[in-house]
Amino acid sequence: MNIGILNPGNMGVAVAQSMVDSGQTVYWISAGRSDATRQRAESAGLIELTSGPDMVKKCEAIVSVCPPHAAVDVAEMVISAGFKGIYLDANAIAPRTTQHIGGLMAKNGIEFVDGGIVGGPPTKAGTTWLYLSGPQAAQAATWFSGGLLAPEILNDQIGAASGLKMCFAASTKGYNALLTAIMGAAEELGVRHALENQWDRYWPEFSEQKKSSAVSVAYNKAWRFAGEMDEMAKTWEDVGVPNDFFVGAAEVYRRIGHLRESADEQSIEEVLKEVKK
């Protein structure tokens, strides 16, 4: 089957690799992409196309893996290019956003699958899952039958896979934002080292693990996680659960997201300085 991937970033190329390993022919769009993206795509055995219209003509299905804030724009680009196959949105977005995209697809004769990825780019089996929901979920699962990314079908409801993704990511990325904010407050109060000592009394090595995680996220992924927290805030609002924490978590990630462009030494002190702005 000919399948297009939008876009082969670190996670996108892992998704594409799983499809290639499952016997699919996978295409990517090179226009405007970096040399690093080209290297990832070529190493995964993806076939280059130069534009969206080329992908629409060539592919029977398209998989979207992009930053959450871009999910709707990417979907609208696919629609405007005249695509008529199966569209799998595997982005970290709220069920509300997923259902909006699914509605746009349905109005334009495109079959839609809701997807949610749990775990990082897989390097071995049993570490990363692609949850799928919607009427075409079973068909989409076959695209990943032989790769490292494990497909798991939830049900036929658009929004279920996205909902699970939001809830799981809240317990990981949301938790990281909370701990980063706690450390920022403790630093300002002059008690961070005492807090870390108390943490380690309860959970040995906890403080070093969490400081390392906070620094890694700040310098690599916070710019992307901010949009994901916005989607969680929508999700919690829609189900009647207080969502203020995720509004705050998004702000934490926005404050530190620019550190990915920093040439300074990576340190928890620098991260917490940005949190407290």
C-alpha atoms as a PDB file:
ATOM      1  CA  MET A   1       0.000   0.000   0.000  1.00  0.00           C
ATOM      2  CA  ASN A   2       1.238   3.511  -0.788  1.00  0.00           C
ATOM      3  CA  ILE A   3       1.172   5.655   2.369  1.00  0.00           C
ATOM      4  CA  GLY A   4       2.368   9.218   2.919  1.00  0.00           C
ATOM      5  CA  ILE A   5       3.901  10.424   6.186  1.00  0.00           C
ATOM      6  CA  LEU A   6       3.520  14.005   7.382  1.00  0.00           C
ATOM      7  CA  ASN A   7       6.203  14.592   8.668  1.00  0.00           C
ATOM      8  CA  PRO A   8       9.297  12.437   9.290  1.00  0.00           C
ATOM      9  CA  GLY A   9      10.604  14.063  12.474  1.00  0.00           C
ATOM     10  CA  ASN A  10      11.997  11.829  15.213  1.00  0.00           C
ATOM     11  CA  MET A  11       8.634  10.247  15.951  1.00  0.00           C
ATOM     12  CA  GLY A  12       7.273  10.536  12.427  1.00  0.00           C
ATOM     13  CA  VAL A  13      10.178   8.627  10.949  1.00  0.00           C
ATOM     14  CA  ALA A  14       9.740   5.892  13.570  1.00  0.00           C
ATOM     15  CA  VAL A  15       6.090   5.577  12.581  1.00  0.00           C
ATOM     16  CA  ALA A  16       7.115   5.467   8.927  1.00  0.00           C
ATOM     17  CA  GLN A  17       9.812   2.877   9.638  1.00  0.00           C
ATOM     18  CA  SER A  18       7.233   0.598  11.240  1.00  0.00           C
ATOM     19  CA  MET A  19       5.089   0.865   8.131  1.00  0.00           C
ATOM     20  CA  VAL A  20       8.060   0.111   5.867  1.00  0.00           C
ATOM     21  CA  ASP A  21       8.942  -2.885   8.051  1.00  0.00           C
ATOM     22  CA  SER A  22       5.333  -4.033   7.645  1.00  0.00           C
ATOM     23  CA  GLY A  23       5.632  -4.077   3.862  1.00  0.00           C
ATOM     24  CA  GLN A  24       4.124  -0.677   3.046  1.00  0.00           C
ATOM     25  CA  THR A  25       5.602   1.778   0.552  1.00  0.00           C
ATOM     26  CA  VAL A  26       5.995   5.066   2.397  1.00  0.00           C
ATOM     27  CA  TYR A  27       6.476   8.530   0.887  1.00  0.00           C
ATOM     28  CA  TRP A  28       7.539  11.846   2.349  1.00  0.00           C
ATOM     29  CA  ILE A  29       7.559  15.460   1.108  1.00  0.00           C
ATOM     30  CA  SER A  30      11.013  17.038   0.875  1.00  0.00           C
ATOM     31  CA  ALA A  31      10.028  20.640   0.140  1.00  0.00           C
ATOM     32  CA  GLY A  32      11.120  22.943   2.940  1.00  0.00           C
ATOM     33  CA  ARG A  33      12.579  20.159   5.063  1.00  0.00           C
ATOM     34  CA  SER A  34      16.029  20.141   6.642  1.00  0.00           C
ATOM     35  CA  ASP A  35      19.056  18.019   5.818  1.00  0.00           C
ATOM     36  CA  ALA A  36      18.502  16.172   9.092  1.00  0.00           C
ATOM     37  CA  THR A  37      14.965  15.277   7.990  1.00  0.00           C
ATOM     38  CA  ARG A  38      16.273  14.069   4.640  1.00  0.00           C
ATOM     39  CA  GLN A  39      18.813  11.843   6.352  1.00  0.00           C
ATOM     40  CA  ARG A  40      16.133  10.359   8.621  1.00  0.00           C
ATOM     41  CA  ALA A  41      13.802   9.730   5.700  1.00  0.00           C
ATOM     42  CA  GLU A  42      16.474   8.119   3.546  1.00  0.00           C
ATOM     43  CA  SER A  43      17.718   5.921   6.384  1.00  0.00           C
ATOM     44  CA  ALA A  44      14.176   4.629   6.898  1.00  0.00           C
ATOM     45  CA  GLY A  45      13.749   3.791   3.216  1.00  0.00           C
ATOM     46  CA  LEU A  46      11.146   6.452   2.507  1.00  0.00           C
ATOM     47  CA  ILE A  47      10.526   7.623  -1.050  1.00  0.00           C
ATOM     48  CA  GLU A  48      10.848  11.320  -1.770  1.00  0.00           C
ATOM     49  CA  LEU A  49       8.084  13.462  -3.221  1.00  0.00           C
ATOM     50  CA  THR A  50       8.369  17.192  -3.764  1.00  0.00           C
ATOM     51  CA  SER A  51       4.899  18.464  -2.893  1.00  0.00           C
ATOM     52  CA  GLY A  52       1.586  17.771  -1.203  1.00  0.00           C
ATOM     53  CA  PRO A  53      -0.286  17.340  -4.505  1.00  0.00           C
ATOM     54  CA  ASP A  54       2.283  14.696  -5.502  1.00  0.00           C
ATOM     55  CA  MET A  55       1.564  12.784  -2.291  1.00  0.00           C
ATOM     56  CA  VAL A  56      -2.188  13.045  -2.799  1.00  0.00           C
ATOM     57  CA  LYS A  57      -1.883  11.585  -6.297  1.00  0.00           C
ATOM     58  CA  LYS A  58       0.449   8.794  -5.223  1.00  0.00           C
ATOM     59  CA  CYS A  59      -0.896   7.645  -1.859  1.00  0.00           C
ATOM     60  CA  GLU A  60      -3.975   5.716  -0.784  1.00  0.00           C
ATOM     61  CA  ALA A  61      -3.470   6.758   2.843  1.00  0.00           C
ATOM     62  CA  ILE A  62      -1.752   9.570   4.722  1.00  0.00           C
ATOM     63  CA  VAL A  63      -0.499   9.555   8.309  1.00  0.00           C
ATOM     64  CA  SER A  64      -0.055  12.848  10.169  1.00  0.00           C
ATOM     65  CA  VAL A  65       2.577  13.113  12.924  1.00  0.00           C
ATOM     66  CA  CYS A  66       3.239  16.776  13.667  1.00  0.00           C
ATOM     67  CA  PRO A  67       3.313  19.233  16.595  1.00  0.00           C
ATOM     68  CA  PRO A  68      -0.168  19.508  18.146  1.00  0.00           C
ATOM     69  CA  HIS A  69      -0.636  23.154  17.211  1.00  0.00           C
ATOM     70  CA  ALA A  70      -0.178  22.289  13.523  1.00  0.00           C
ATOM     71  CA  ALA A  71      -2.580  19.328  13.330  1.00  0.00           C
ATOM     72  CA  VAL A  72      -5.564  21.244  11.938  1.00  0.00           C
ATOM     73  CA  ASP A  73      -3.466  23.175   9.405  1.00  0.00           C
ATOM     74  CA  VAL A  74      -1.863  19.949   8.139  1.00  0.00           C
ATOM     75  CA  ALA A  75      -5.278  18.315   7.789  1.00  0.00           C
ATOM     76  CA  GLU A  76      -6.636  21.311   5.875  1.00  0.00           C
ATOM     77  CA  MET A  77      -3.617  21.199   3.539  1.00  0.00           C
ATOM     78  CA  VAL A  78      -4.358  17.555   2.747  1.00  0.00           C
ATOM     79  CA  ILE A  79      -8.010  18.349   2.079  1.00  0.00           C
ATOM     80  CA  SER A  80      -7.193  21.313  -0.145  1.00  0.00           C
ATOM     81  CA  ALA A  81      -4.838  19.142  -2.198  1.00  0.00           C
ATOM     82  CA  GLY A  82      -7.793  16.910  -3.136  1.00  0.00           C
ATOM     83  CA  PHE A  83      -6.971  13.775  -1.139  1.00  0.00           C
ATOM     84  CA  LYS A  84      -9.677  11.051  -1.108  1.00  0.00           C
ATOM     85  CA  GLY A  85      -8.118   8.097   0.756  1.00  0.00           C
ATOM     86  CA  ILE A  86      -7.729   7.230   4.467  1.00  0.00           C
ATOM     87  CA  TYR A  87      -6.277   9.847   6.811  1.00  0.00           C
ATOM     88  CA  LEU A  88      -4.771   8.780  10.133  1.00  0.00           C
ATOM     89  CA  ASP A  89      -4.196  11.612  12.584  1.00  0.00           C
ATOM     90  CA  ALA A  90      -1.671  10.355  15.161  1.00  0.00           C
ATOM     91  CA  ASN A  91      -1.104  13.692  16.877  1.00  0.00           C
ATOM     92  CA  ALA A  92      -1.309  14.571  20.574  1.00  0.00           C
ATOM     93  CA  ILE A  93      -4.572  16.490  20.367  1.00  0.00           C
ATOM     94  CA  ALA A  94      -7.812  16.708  22.313  1.00  0.00           C
ATOM     95  CA  PRO A  95     -10.791  14.584  21.285  1.00  0.00           C
ATOM     96  CA  ARG A  96     -12.532  17.875  20.427  1.00  0.00           C
ATOM     97  CA  THR A  97      -9.766  18.741  17.952  1.00  0.00           C
ATOM     98  CA  THR A  98      -9.749  15.210  16.555  1.00  0.00           C
ATOM     99  CA  GLN A  99     -13.498  15.266  16.016  1.00  0.00           C
ATOM    100  CA  HIS A 100     -13.223  18.647  14.287  1.00  0.00           C
ATOM    101  CA  ILE A 101     -10.611  17.258  11.896  1.00  0.00           C
ATOM    102  CA  GLY A 102     -12.657  14.105  11.381  1.00  0.00           C
ATOM    103  CA  GLY A 103     -15.688  16.212  10.498  1.00  0.00           C
ATOM    104  CA  LEU A 104     -13.701  18.188   7.946  1.00  0.00           C
ATOM    105  CA  MET A 105     -12.478  14.948   6.404  1.00  0.00           C
ATOM    106  CA  ALA A 106     -15.974  13.446   6.235  1.00  0.00           C
ATOM    107  CA  LYS A 107     -17.333  16.537   4.460  1.00  0.00           C
ATOM    108  CA  ASN A 108     -14.664  16.047   1.804  1.00  0.00           C
ATOM    109  CA  GLY A 109     -15.099  12.303   1.258  1.00  0.00           C
ATOM    110  CA  ILE A 110     -12.031  11.233   3.258  1.00  0.00           C
ATOM    111  CA  GLU A 111     -12.101   8.284   5.646  1.00  0.00           C
ATOM    112  CA  PHE A 112     -10.646   9.183   9.033  1.00  0.00           C
ATOM    113  CA  VAL A 113      -8.807   7.270  11.775  1.00  0.00           C
ATOM    114  CA  ASP A 114      -8.060   8.636  15.244  1.00  0.00           C
ATOM    115  CA  GLY A 115      -4.614   7.716  16.569  1.00  0.00           C
ATOM    116  CA  GLY A 116      -2.644   8.298  19.765  1.00  0.00           C
ATOM    117  CA  ILE A 117       1.002   7.333  20.299  1.00  0.00           C
ATOM    118  CA  VAL A 118       2.144   6.320  23.777  1.00  0.00           C
ATOM    119  CA  GLY A 119       5.901   6.057  24.266  1.00  0.00           C
ATOM    120  CA  GLY A 120       8.959   7.445  22.516  1.00  0.00           C
ATOM    121  CA  PRO A 121      10.334   6.522  19.094  1.00  0.00           C
ATOM    122  CA  PRO A 122      10.670   2.741  19.458  1.00  0.00           C
ATOM    123  CA  THR A 123      14.033   1.000  19.287  1.00  0.00           C
ATOM    124  CA  LYS A 124      12.656  -2.384  20.344  1.00  0.00           C
ATOM    125  CA  ALA A 125       9.289  -4.083  20.448  1.00  0.00           C
ATOM    126  CA  GLY A 126       6.988  -3.589  23.423  1.00  0.00           C
ATOM    127  CA  THR A 127       7.963   0.002  24.229  1.00  0.00           C
ATOM    128  CA  THR A 128       5.640   2.149  22.100  1.00  0.00           C
ATOM    129  CA  TRP A 129       1.978   1.750  21.191  1.00  0.00           C
ATOM    130  CA  LEU A 130      -0.252   3.303  18.564  1.00  0.00           C
ATOM    131  CA  TYR A 131      -3.827   3.358  19.837  1.00  0.00           C
ATOM    132  CA  LEU A 132      -6.441   3.523  17.094  1.00  0.00           C
ATOM    133  CA  SER A 133     -10.155   4.210  17.021  1.00  0.00           C
ATOM    134  CA  GLY A 134     -12.824   4.829  14.401  1.00  0.00           C
ATOM    135  CA  PRO A 135     -14.586   2.709  11.774  1.00  0.00           C
ATOM    136  CA  GLN A 136     -11.357   2.209   9.799  1.00  0.00           C
ATOM    137  CA  ALA A 137      -9.118   1.496  12.804  1.00  0.00           C
ATOM    138  CA  ALA A 138      -8.738  -2.210  11.990  1.00  0.00           C
ATOM    139  CA  GLN A 139      -7.574  -1.443   8.478  1.00  0.00           C
ATOM    140  CA  ALA A 140      -5.066   1.119   9.718  1.00  0.00           C
ATOM    141  CA  ALA A 141      -3.704  -1.400  12.219  1.00  0.00           C
ATOM    142  CA  THR A 142      -2.607  -3.659   9.354  1.00  0.00           C
ATOM    143  CA  TRP A 143      -0.189  -0.960   8.164  1.00  0.00           C
ATOM    144  CA  PHE A 144       1.894  -1.608  11.304  1.00  0.00           C
ATOM    145  CA  SER A 145       1.641  -5.388  11.547  1.00  0.00           C
ATOM    146  CA  GLY A 146       5.379  -6.088  11.307  1.00  0.00           C
ATOM    147  CA  GLY A 147       7.136  -3.087  12.851  1.00  0.00           C
ATOM    148  CA  LEU A 148       8.275  -2.018  16.304  1.00  0.00           C
ATOM    149  CA  LEU A 149       5.280   0.268  16.798  1.00  0.00           C
ATOM    150  CA  ALA A 150       2.488  -1.864  18.286  1.00  0.00           C
ATOM    151  CA  PRO A 151      -1.028  -1.020  17.014  1.00  0.00           C
ATOM    152  CA  GLU A 152      -3.877  -1.435  19.463  1.00  0.00           C
ATOM    153  CA  ILE A 153      -7.529  -0.933  18.501  1.00  0.00           C
ATOM    154  CA  LEU A 154      -9.802   0.691  21.094  1.00  0.00           C
ATOM    155  CA  ASN A 155     -13.225   0.997  19.451  1.00  0.00           C
ATOM    156  CA  ASP A 156     -15.032   2.624  16.517  1.00  0.00           C
ATOM    157  CA  GLN A 157     -15.422   6.046  18.172  1.00  0.00           C
ATOM    158  CA  ILE A 158     -13.494   9.041  16.821  1.00  0.00           C
ATOM    159  CA  GLY A 159     -11.928  10.671  19.874  1.00  0.00           C
ATOM    160  CA  ALA A 160     -11.230   7.546  21.937  1.00  0.00           C
ATOM    161  CA  ALA A 161      -7.587   7.148  20.901  1.00  0.00           C
ATOM    162  CA  SER A 162      -6.928  10.857  21.374  1.00  0.00           C
ATOM    163  CA  GLY A 163      -8.619  10.759  24.763  1.00  0.00           C
ATOM    164  CA  LEU A 164      -6.395   7.926  25.956  1.00  0.00           C
ATOM    165  CA  LYS A 165      -3.322   9.763  24.686  1.00  0.00           C
ATOM    166  CA  MET A 166      -4.335  12.910  26.562  1.00  0.00           C
ATOM    167  CA  CYS A 167      -4.885  11.022  29.813  1.00  0.00           C
ATOM    168  CA  PHE A 168      -1.641   9.059  29.634  1.00  0.00           C
ATOM    169  CA  ALA A 169       0.459  12.083  28.629  1.00  0.00           C
ATOM    170  CA  ALA A 170      -1.082  14.051  31.491  1.00  0.00           C
ATOM    171  CA  SER A 171       0.513  11.552  33.876  1.00  0.00           C
ATOM    172  CA  THR A 172       3.950  11.905  32.269  1.00  0.00           C
ATOM    173  CA  LYS A 173       4.428  15.274  30.566  1.00  0.00           C
ATOM    174  CA  GLY A 174       1.940  16.985  32.856  1.00  0.00           C
ATOM    175  CA  TYR A 175       3.736  15.511  35.863  1.00  0.00           C
ATOM    176  CA  ASN A 176       7.057  16.785  34.559  1.00  0.00           C
ATOM    177  CA  ALA A 177       5.621  20.307  34.259  1.00  0.00           C
ATOM    178  CA  LEU A 178       4.304  20.109  37.834  1.00  0.00           C
ATOM    179  CA  LEU A 179       7.670  19.010  39.247  1.00  0.00           C
ATOM    180  CA  THR A 180       9.485  21.684  37.248  1.00  0.00           C
ATOM    181  CA  ALA A 181       7.142  24.311  38.688  1.00  0.00           C
ATOM    182  CA  ILE A 182       7.647  22.896  42.207  1.00  0.00           C
ATOM    183  CA  MET A 183      11.419  23.118  41.852  1.00  0.00           C
ATOM    184  CA  GLY A 184      11.080  26.665  40.528  1.00  0.00           C
ATOM    185  CA  ALA A 185       9.043  27.701  43.554  1.00  0.00           C
ATOM    186  CA  ALA A 186      11.449  25.945  45.945  1.00  0.00           C
ATOM    187  CA  GLU A 187      14.410  27.701  44.312  1.00  0.00           C
ATOM    188  CA  GLU A 188      12.760  31.082  44.763  1.00  0.00           C
ATOM    189  CA  LEU A 189      11.990  30.269  48.404  1.00  0.00           C
ATOM    190  CA  GLY A 190      15.577  29.183  49.021  1.00  0.00           C
ATOM    191  CA  VAL A 191      14.636  25.625  49.977  1.00  0.00           C
ATOM    192  CA  ARG A 192      15.262  23.603  46.802  1.00  0.00           C
ATOM    193  CA  HIS A 193      18.226  21.640  48.153  1.00  0.00           C
ATOM    194  CA  ALA A 194      16.346  20.827  51.345  1.00  0.00           C
ATOM    195  CA  LEU A 195      13.360  19.708  49.237  1.00  0.00           C
ATOM    196  CA  GLU A 196      15.582  17.480  47.116  1.00  0.00           C
ATOM    197  CA  ASN A 197      17.067  15.959  50.265  1.00  0.00           C
ATOM    198  CA  GLN A 198      13.582  15.214  51.584  1.00  0.00           C
ATOM    199  CA  TRP A 199      12.485  13.728  48.268  1.00  0.00           C
ATOM    200  CA  ASP A 200      15.467  11.377  48.347  1.00  0.00           C
ATOM    201  CA  ARG A 201      14.638  10.256  51.870  1.00  0.00           C
ATOM    202  CA  TYR A 202      11.336   8.974  50.550  1.00  0.00           C
ATOM    203  CA  TRP A 203      12.488   7.893  47.077  1.00  0.00           C
ATOM    204  CA  PRO A 204      16.262   7.348  46.673  1.00  0.00           C
ATOM    205  CA  GLU A 205      17.756   9.212  43.671  1.00  0.00           C
ATOM    206  CA  PHE A 206      14.372  10.809  42.906  1.00  0.00           C
ATOM    207  CA  SER A 207      15.735  14.358  42.815  1.00  0.00           C
ATOM    208  CA  GLU A 208      18.517  13.619  40.322  1.00  0.00           C
ATOM    209  CA  GLN A 209      16.135  11.726  38.073  1.00  0.00           C
ATOM    210  CA  LYS A 210      13.601  14.536  38.058  1.00  0.00           C
ATOM    211  CA  LYS A 211      16.173  17.294  37.582  1.00  0.00           C
ATOM    212  CA  SER A 212      17.638  15.384  34.650  1.00  0.00           C
ATOM    213  CA  SER A 213      14.186  14.919  33.144  1.00  0.00           C
ATOM    214  CA  ALA A 214      13.299  18.592  33.572  1.00  0.00           C
ATOM    215  CA  VAL A 215      16.511  19.691  31.856  1.00  0.00           C
ATOM    216  CA  SER A 216      16.128  17.204  28.994  1.00  0.00           C
ATOM    217  CA  VAL A 217      12.548  18.287  28.306  1.00  0.00           C
ATOM    218  CA  ALA A 218      13.373  21.989  28.552  1.00  0.00           C
ATOM    219  CA  TYR A 219      16.190  21.850  26.041  1.00  0.00           C
ATOM    220  CA  ASN A 220      14.546  19.433  23.628  1.00  0.00           C
ATOM    221  CA  LYS A 221      10.761  19.131  23.769  1.00  0.00           C
ATOM    222  CA  ALA A 222       9.146  21.875  25.864  1.00  0.00           C
ATOM    223  CA  TRP A 223       8.358  23.960  22.766  1.00  0.00           C
ATOM    224  CA  ARG A 224       6.210  21.079  21.542  1.00  0.00           C
ATOM    225  CA  PHE A 225       4.725  20.098  24.896  1.00  0.00           C
ATOM    226  CA  ALA A 226       3.175  23.540  25.420  1.00  0.00           C
ATOM    227  CA  GLY A 227       0.670  22.875  22.645  1.00  0.00           C
ATOM    228  CA  GLU A 228      -0.024  19.432  24.050  1.00  0.00           C
ATOM    229  CA  MET A 229      -0.892  20.971  27.431  1.00  0.00           C
ATOM    230  CA  ASP A 230      -3.311  23.309  25.638  1.00  0.00           C
ATOM    231  CA  GLU A 231      -5.008  20.242  24.160  1.00  0.00           C
ATOM    232  CA  MET A 232      -5.211  18.637  27.599  1.00  0.00           C
ATOM    233  CA  ALA A 233      -6.842  21.782  28.963  1.00  0.00           C
ATOM    234  CA  LYS A 234      -9.498  21.491  26.243  1.00  0.00           C
ATOM    235  CA  THR A 235     -10.001  17.810  27.049  1.00  0.00           C
ATOM    236  CA  TRP A 236     -10.486  18.355  30.777  1.00  0.00           C
ATOM    237  CA  GLU A 237     -12.825  21.285  30.128  1.00  0.00           C
ATOM    238  CA  ASP A 238     -14.955  19.185  27.799  1.00  0.00           C
ATOM    239  CA  VAL A 239     -15.449  16.426  30.383  1.00  0.00           C
ATOM    240  CA  GLY A 240     -16.186  18.829  33.234  1.00  0.00           C
ATOM    241  CA  VAL A 241     -12.959  18.272  35.161  1.00  0.00           C
ATOM    242  CA  PRO A 242     -10.961  21.302  36.435  1.00  0.00           C
ATOM    243  CA  ASN A 243      -8.338  22.136  33.830  1.00  0.00           C
ATOM    244  CA  ASP A 244      -6.440  25.022  35.422  1.00  0.00           C
ATOM    245  CA  PHE A 245      -3.384  22.886  36.040  1.00  0.00           C
ATOM    246  CA  PHE A 246      -2.880  22.233  32.327  1.00  0.00           C
ATOM    247  CA  VAL A 247      -3.238  25.932  31.547  1.00  0.00           C
ATOM    248  CA  GLY A 248      -0.392  26.464  34.001  1.00  0.00           C
ATOM    249  CA  ALA A 249       1.589  23.530  32.620  1.00  0.00           C
ATOM    250  CA  ALA A 250       1.373  25.042  29.128  1.00  0.00           C
ATOM    251  CA  GLU A 251       2.771  28.301  30.515  1.00  0.00           C
ATOM    252  CA  VAL A 252       5.638  26.443  32.215  1.00  0.00           C
ATOM    253  CA  TYR A 253       6.598  24.844  28.918  1.00  0.00           C
ATOM    254  CA  ARG A 254       6.262  28.124  27.014  1.00  0.00           C
ATOM    255  CA  ARG A 255       8.608  29.850  29.431  1.00  0.00           C
ATOM    256  CA  ILE A 256      11.322  27.248  28.967  1.00  0.00           C
ATOM    257  CA  GLY A 257      10.651  26.243  25.355  1.00  0.00           C
ATOM    258  CA  HIS A 258      13.108  28.735  23.866  1.00  0.00           C
ATOM    259  CA  LEU A 259      15.994  26.964  25.619  1.00  0.00           C
ATOM    260  CA  ARG A 260      16.178  24.513  22.716  1.00  0.00           C
ATOM    261  CA  GLU A 261      17.871  27.337  20.789  1.00  0.00           C
ATOM    262  CA  SER A 262      20.337  28.074  23.581  1.00  0.00           C
ATOM    263  CA  ALA A 263      24.049  27.430  23.238  1.00  0.00           C
ATOM    264  CA  ASP A 264      24.529  27.806  27.003  1.00  0.00           C
ATOM    265  CA  GLU A 265      25.403  24.919  29.265  1.00  0.00           C
ATOM    266  CA  GLN A 266      22.315  22.885  30.071  1.00  0.00           C
ATOM    267  CA  SER A 267      21.502  23.085  33.767  1.00  0.00           C
ATOM    268  CA  ILE A 268      18.553  22.880  36.133  1.00  0.00           C
ATOM    269  CA  GLU A 269      19.444  26.347  37.435  1.00  0.00           C
ATOM    270  CA  GLU A 270      18.990  27.852  33.967  1.00  0.00           C
ATOM    271  CA  VAL A 271      15.689  26.042  33.526  1.00  0.00           C
ATOM    272  CA  LEU A 272      14.339  27.249  36.851  1.00  0.00           C
ATOM    273  CA  LYS A 273      15.438  30.799  36.141  1.00  0.00           C
ATOM    274  CA  GLU A 274      13.193  30.755  33.079  1.00  0.00           C
ATOM    275  CA  VAL A 275      10.298  29.161  34.969  1.00  0.00           C
ATOM    276  CA  LYS A 276      10.294  32.027  37.477  1.00  0.00           C
ATOM    277  CA  LYS A 277      10.116  34.839  34.918  1.00  0.00           C
END
